[in-house]
Protein backbone atom coordinates (compact mmCIF):
# COMPACT_ATOMS: atom_id res chain seq x y z
CA UNK A 1 -36.90 -4.53 11.42
CA UNK A 2 -38.27 -2.42 8.59
CA UNK A 3 -37.39 1.26 8.57
CA UNK A 4 -39.95 4.04 8.02
CA UNK A 5 -40.29 7.01 5.75
CA UNK A 6 -39.21 9.49 8.46
CA UNK A 7 -35.77 7.85 8.71
CA UNK A 8 -35.40 7.90 4.93
CA UNK A 9 -36.33 11.57 4.82
CA UNK A 10 -33.41 12.41 7.17
CA UNK A 11 -30.88 10.84 4.81
CA UNK A 12 -29.61 13.16 2.01
CA UNK A 13 -29.55 10.29 -0.49
CA UNK A 14 -33.36 9.95 -0.15
CA UNK A 15 -34.21 13.56 0.71
CA UNK A 16 -35.48 14.48 -2.78
CA UNK A 17 -37.95 11.61 -2.91
CA UNK A 18 -41.57 12.51 -2.25
CA UNK A 19 -43.52 10.91 0.57
CA UNK A 20 -45.10 8.26 -1.62
CA UNK A 21 -41.75 7.22 -3.09
CA UNK A 22 -40.13 7.11 0.36
CA UNK A 23 -42.99 5.02 1.69
CA UNK A 24 -42.57 2.61 -1.22
CA UNK A 25 -38.83 2.35 -0.66
CA UNK A 26 -39.26 2.06 3.12
CA UNK A 27 -41.01 -1.25 2.61
CA UNK A 28 -37.92 -2.64 0.83
CA UNK A 29 -35.04 -1.22 2.90
CA UNK A 30 -33.93 -2.86 6.18
CA UNK A 31 -32.75 -0.99 9.26
CA UNK A 32 -29.71 -2.44 11.05
CA UNK A 33 -27.69 -1.47 14.13
CA UNK A 34 -24.07 -2.12 15.04
CA UNK A 35 -22.37 -1.61 18.39
CA UNK A 36 -19.16 0.37 18.76
CA UNK A 37 -16.18 -1.74 17.71
CA UNK A 38 -18.32 -4.26 15.84
CA UNK A 39 -17.12 -5.32 12.40
CA UNK A 40 -19.75 -4.79 9.73
CA UNK A 41 -17.87 -6.73 7.06
CA UNK A 42 -14.31 -7.90 6.42
CA UNK A 43 -12.05 -7.40 3.45
CA UNK A 44 -12.72 -10.14 0.90
CA UNK A 45 -16.22 -10.97 2.15
CA UNK A 46 -18.95 -11.38 -0.47
CA UNK A 47 -20.62 -8.06 -1.18
CA UNK A 48 -24.41 -8.23 -1.44
CA UNK A 49 -25.47 -4.93 0.10
CA UNK A 50 -24.53 -1.32 0.75
CA UNK A 51 -25.20 0.74 3.84
CA UNK A 52 -26.51 4.27 4.36
CA UNK A 53 -25.58 5.65 7.77
CA UNK A 54 -28.45 7.17 9.76
CA UNK A 55 -26.36 7.83 12.88
CA UNK A 56 -22.82 7.09 14.04
CA UNK A 57 -19.43 6.74 12.34
CA UNK A 58 -17.82 3.87 10.44
CA UNK A 59 -14.11 3.38 9.65
CA UNK A 60 -13.24 1.85 6.29
CA UNK A 61 -9.75 0.33 6.58
CA UNK A 62 -7.38 -1.84 4.61
CA UNK A 63 -4.43 -3.78 6.02
CA UNK A 64 -1.14 -3.42 4.16
CA UNK A 65 1.31 -6.29 3.72
CA UNK A 66 3.34 -4.82 6.58
CA UNK A 67 0.36 -5.18 8.94
CA UNK A 68 -0.50 -1.48 9.05
CA UNK A 69 -4.19 -0.52 9.00
CA UNK A 70 -4.84 2.42 6.69
CA UNK A 71 -8.10 4.33 7.12
CA UNK A 72 -9.57 4.99 3.69
CA UNK A 73 -12.56 6.96 4.89
CA UNK A 74 -14.75 7.54 7.95
CA UNK A 75 -18.31 8.01 6.67
CA UNK A 76 -20.78 9.60 9.06
CA UNK A 77 -24.53 10.19 9.20
CA UNK A 78 -25.91 10.71 5.70
CA UNK A 79 -22.96 8.98 3.98
CA UNK A 80 -22.98 5.52 2.47
CA UNK A 81 -20.42 2.76 1.93
CA UNK A 82 -20.11 -0.74 0.49
CA UNK A 83 -21.47 0.30 -2.89
CA UNK A 84 -18.49 -0.99 -4.92
CA UNK A 85 -19.11 -4.65 -4.14
CA UNK A 86 -22.81 -4.12 -4.71
CA UNK A 87 -22.23 -2.61 -8.15
CA UNK A 88 -19.74 -5.16 -9.53
CA UNK A 89 -20.84 -8.16 -7.39
CA UNK A 90 -17.21 -8.63 -6.28
CA UNK A 91 -15.74 -9.15 -2.79
CA UNK A 92 -15.38 -6.36 -0.27
CA UNK A 93 -12.42 -4.07 -0.95
CA UNK A 94 -12.05 -2.89 2.67
CA UNK A 95 -13.01 -3.71 6.23
CA UNK A 96 -15.85 -1.70 7.76
CA UNK A 97 -15.84 -1.26 11.55
CA UNK A 98 -18.28 0.76 13.62
CA UNK A 99 -16.19 3.30 15.55
CA UNK A 100 -19.35 4.35 17.44
CA UNK A 101 -22.82 2.86 17.73
CA UNK A 102 -24.21 2.93 14.19
CA UNK A 103 -27.75 2.95 12.88
CA UNK A 104 -27.83 2.24 9.16
CA UNK A 105 -30.04 1.26 6.28
CA UNK A 106 -29.06 -1.90 4.43
CA UNK A 107 -29.77 -1.75 0.71
CA UNK A 108 -29.46 -4.74 -1.59
CA UNK A 109 -29.29 -4.70 -5.39
CA UNK A 110 -33.06 -4.75 -5.84
CA UNK A 111 -33.42 -1.82 -3.45
CA UNK A 112 -30.74 0.09 -5.36
CA UNK A 113 -32.51 -0.56 -8.66
CA UNK A 114 -35.73 0.77 -7.14
CA UNK A 115 -33.92 3.87 -5.84
CA UNK A 116 -32.42 4.60 -9.27
CA UNK A 117 -35.81 4.13 -10.86
CA UNK A 118 -37.41 6.60 -8.46
CA UNK A 119 -34.51 9.05 -8.53
CA UNK A 120 -32.04 8.56 -11.41
CA UNK A 121 -29.78 11.38 -10.15
CA UNK A 122 -28.96 9.26 -7.09
CA UNK A 123 -26.64 7.28 -9.37
CA UNK A 124 -24.45 10.40 -9.65
CA UNK A 125 -24.12 10.55 -5.84
CA UNK A 126 -23.03 6.91 -5.76
CA UNK A 127 -20.52 7.47 -8.58
CA UNK A 128 -19.13 10.60 -6.88
CA UNK A 129 -18.48 8.71 -3.64
CA UNK A 130 -16.89 5.83 -5.56
CA UNK A 131 -14.65 8.22 -7.50
CA UNK A 132 -13.56 9.95 -4.29
CA UNK A 133 -12.51 6.65 -2.77
CA UNK A 134 -10.68 5.62 -5.96
CA UNK A 135 -8.72 8.88 -5.95
CA UNK A 136 -7.71 8.35 -2.33
CA UNK A 137 -6.70 4.76 -3.07
CA UNK A 138 -4.55 5.98 -6.00
CA UNK A 139 -2.71 8.35 -3.65
CA UNK A 140 -2.06 5.52 -1.19
CA UNK A 141 -0.75 3.28 -3.96
CA UNK A 142 1.57 5.99 -5.26
CA UNK A 143 3.03 6.61 -1.80
CA UNK A 144 3.38 2.91 -1.05
CA UNK A 145 5.27 2.03 -4.25
CA UNK A 146 8.46 0.00 -3.81
CA UNK A 147 11.61 2.06 -4.22
CA UNK A 148 14.58 1.32 -6.40
CA UNK A 149 17.59 2.44 -4.31
CA UNK A 150 19.79 3.00 -7.36
CA UNK A 151 17.25 5.26 -9.09
CA UNK A 152 16.37 6.99 -5.82
CA UNK A 153 19.98 8.02 -5.13
CA UNK A 154 20.89 8.57 -8.78
CA UNK A 155 18.44 11.45 -9.14
CA UNK A 156 19.78 13.30 -6.08
CA UNK A 157 23.47 13.37 -7.04
CA UNK A 158 25.23 16.73 -7.19
CA UNK A 159 27.95 17.60 -9.68
CA UNK A 160 30.66 16.81 -7.11
CA UNK A 161 29.12 13.42 -6.35
CA UNK A 162 28.87 12.61 -10.05
CA UNK A 163 32.55 13.54 -10.45
CA UNK A 164 33.46 11.43 -7.41
CA UNK A 165 31.64 8.42 -8.85
CA UNK A 166 33.32 8.83 -12.23
CA UNK A 167 36.80 9.25 -10.71
CA UNK A 168 36.32 6.30 -8.35
CA UNK A 169 35.19 4.13 -11.26
CA UNK A 170 38.13 5.30 -13.41
CA UNK A 171 40.78 4.69 -10.72
CA UNK A 172 39.56 1.13 -10.28
CA UNK A 173 39.91 0.24 -13.96
CA UNK A 174 42.69 -1.55 -15.83
CA UNK A 175 43.09 1.47 -18.09
CA UNK A 176 44.06 3.59 -15.10
CA UNK A 177 46.62 0.98 -14.01
CA UNK A 178 48.10 0.67 -17.50
CA UNK A 179 48.36 4.45 -17.88
CA UNK A 180 50.25 4.75 -14.61
CA UNK A 181 52.63 1.91 -15.51
CA UNK A 182 53.50 3.70 -18.75
CA UNK A 183 53.82 7.05 -16.96
CA UNK A 184 56.07 5.67 -14.18
CA UNK A 185 58.14 3.73 -16.70
CA UNK A 186 58.69 6.82 -18.84
CA UNK A 187 59.45 8.98 -15.79
CA UNK A 188 61.94 6.52 -14.27
CA UNK A 189 63.51 5.67 -17.63
CA UNK A 190 64.08 9.31 -18.59
CA UNK A 191 65.62 10.23 -15.23
CA UNK A 192 67.81 7.10 -15.21
CA UNK A 193 69.02 6.67 -18.81
CA UNK A 194 69.39 10.16 -20.27
CA UNK A 195 72.50 12.29 -19.53
CA UNK A 196 72.47 13.74 -16.03
CA UNK A 197 72.21 17.32 -17.31
CA UNK A 198 68.88 16.57 -18.95
CA UNK A 199 67.31 14.82 -15.95
CA UNK A 200 64.55 16.87 -14.17
CA UNK A 201 64.06 14.40 -11.26
CA UNK A 202 67.24 12.44 -10.55
CA UNK A 203 67.46 9.56 -8.10
CA UNK A 204 65.90 9.17 -5.47
CA UNK A 205 63.06 10.74 -7.52
CA UNK A 206 61.77 13.17 -4.89
CA UNK A 207 59.50 15.05 -7.28
CA UNK A 208 57.82 11.79 -8.39
CA UNK A 209 57.26 10.89 -4.74
CA UNK A 210 55.59 14.28 -4.14
CA UNK A 211 53.35 13.94 -7.22
CA UNK A 212 52.30 10.39 -6.30
CA UNK A 213 51.56 11.43 -2.70
CA UNK A 214 49.39 14.34 -3.80
CA UNK A 215 47.58 12.13 -6.31
CA UNK A 216 46.95 9.50 -3.64
CA UNK A 217 45.49 12.09 -1.24
CA UNK A 218 43.17 13.62 -3.85
CA UNK A 219 42.01 10.27 -5.23
CA UNK A 220 41.40 8.86 -1.76
CA UNK A 221 39.02 11.74 -1.00
CA UNK A 222 36.99 11.05 -4.16
CA UNK A 223 36.98 7.32 -3.46
CA UNK A 224 35.75 7.92 0.11
CA UNK A 225 32.98 10.18 -1.18
CA UNK A 226 31.89 7.46 -3.59
CA UNK A 227 32.06 4.84 -0.84
CA UNK A 228 29.86 7.00 1.38
CA UNK A 229 27.28 7.07 -1.39
CA UNK A 230 27.58 3.31 -1.70
CA UNK A 231 26.94 2.96 2.03
CA UNK A 232 23.84 5.12 1.67
CA UNK A 233 22.69 3.05 -1.30
CA UNK A 234 23.22 -0.15 0.69
CA UNK A 235 21.23 1.29 3.59
CA UNK A 236 18.30 2.11 1.29
CA UNK A 237 18.55 -1.34 -0.30
CA UNK A 238 18.51 -2.95 3.15
CA UNK A 239 15.39 -0.94 4.02
CA UNK A 240 13.71 -2.10 0.81
CA UNK A 241 14.67 -5.71 1.47
CA UNK A 242 13.34 -5.40 5.02
CA UNK A 243 10.02 -4.06 3.69
CA UNK A 244 9.80 -6.90 1.18
CA UNK A 245 10.52 -9.54 3.83
CA UNK A 246 8.06 -7.94 6.22
CA UNK A 247 5.38 -7.84 3.53
CA UNK A 248 5.93 -11.52 2.79
CA UNK A 249 5.76 -12.37 6.49
CA UNK A 250 2.56 -10.37 7.01
CA UNK A 251 1.01 -11.88 3.90
CA UNK A 252 1.63 -15.37 5.27
CA UNK A 253 0.19 -14.30 8.63
CA UNK A 254 -2.84 -12.85 6.85
CA UNK A 255 -3.36 -16.15 5.01
CA UNK A 256 -3.19 -18.02 8.32
CA UNK A 257 -5.69 -15.57 9.81
CA UNK A 258 -8.13 -16.05 6.92
CA UNK A 259 -7.69 -19.82 7.11
CA UNK A 260 -8.43 -19.82 10.83
CA UNK A 261 -11.53 -17.68 10.29
CA UNK A 262 -12.79 -19.96 7.50
CA UNK A 263 -12.02 -23.03 9.64
CA UNK A 264 -13.97 -21.62 12.58
CA UNK A 265 -16.87 -20.61 10.33
CA UNK A 266 -16.95 -24.09 8.80
CA UNK A 267 -17.13 -25.67 12.25
CA UNK A 268 -19.99 -23.38 13.23
CA UNK A 269 -21.91 -24.36 10.10
CA UNK A 270 -21.26 -28.06 10.74
CA UNK A 271 -22.50 -27.67 14.31
CA UNK A 272 -25.69 -26.00 13.10
CA UNK A 273 -26.22 -28.77 10.53
CA UNK A 274 -25.67 -31.43 13.20
CA UNK A 275 -28.11 -29.69 15.53
CA UNK A 276 -30.76 -29.57 12.80
CA UNK A 277 -30.21 -33.22 11.94
CA UNK A 278 -30.33 -34.13 15.61
CA UNK A 279 -33.66 -32.38 16.14
CA UNK A 280 -35.17 -33.94 13.03
CA UNK A 281 -33.95 -37.45 13.83
CA UNK A 282 -36.18 -38.13 16.89
CA UNK A 283 -39.16 -36.51 15.19
CA UNK A 284 -38.74 -38.78 12.19
CA UNK A 285 -38.41 -41.83 14.45
CA UNK A 286 -41.60 -40.90 16.34
CA UNK A 287 -43.46 -40.57 13.06
CA UNK A 288 -42.54 -44.10 12.16
């Protein structure tokens, strides 16, 4: 059903056209209607037209790899959508669903060329809407970036946590073991071999026992602090691995969903072809 100039005049995108220009464009533009909940187009569908909303609301959504639907925009009366695929002749970048009953104008590439010829400044409105959606998509991509647990926790370390990590790493090294062997050997040798008057910790080496006990207590605290950070890092890594596995699972499910839709669509087309061949067959036989 062809729209009329009065409908075009109520849409801001065509408001600055004069009556003659609107009447000329009205002969080219088609008026369409969608019920609430009806899908206008799916993500990945071929894009051959854009829509200008006369009445109602449309939700533009994308499905993440985790199965979550993200609403990019909800254009209302006077707004338009679907222009990206129309401009670059690529597939749809989102799914458009009518959240309420929608009356819209469907514009193909020839109609858009005619609109730009009549009103060149309309191209700026289309570019502004496209830029707004690209900015919003950039924000979503930045927030949905995969995290590196090591870098994420590394930037939030305090001075104490940095010291705990360094001490824990040092106490688990061969250098630390070798230093203590030399220290214990020197301590025990001095207090065992030198004259008794010069010994500062004679047998049973009580002072050495006290020093080693205090060292063990202090080092154990630093090691436990470092282990707590390692547990937190492992938890973040497990969350990241869960997200990755979930994304892979949802991607496979999405491929199955698209395959089922294509399979059903192919069967519908085959049925229509068979029906046409069936109706033509008897007619051809009667002609003979």
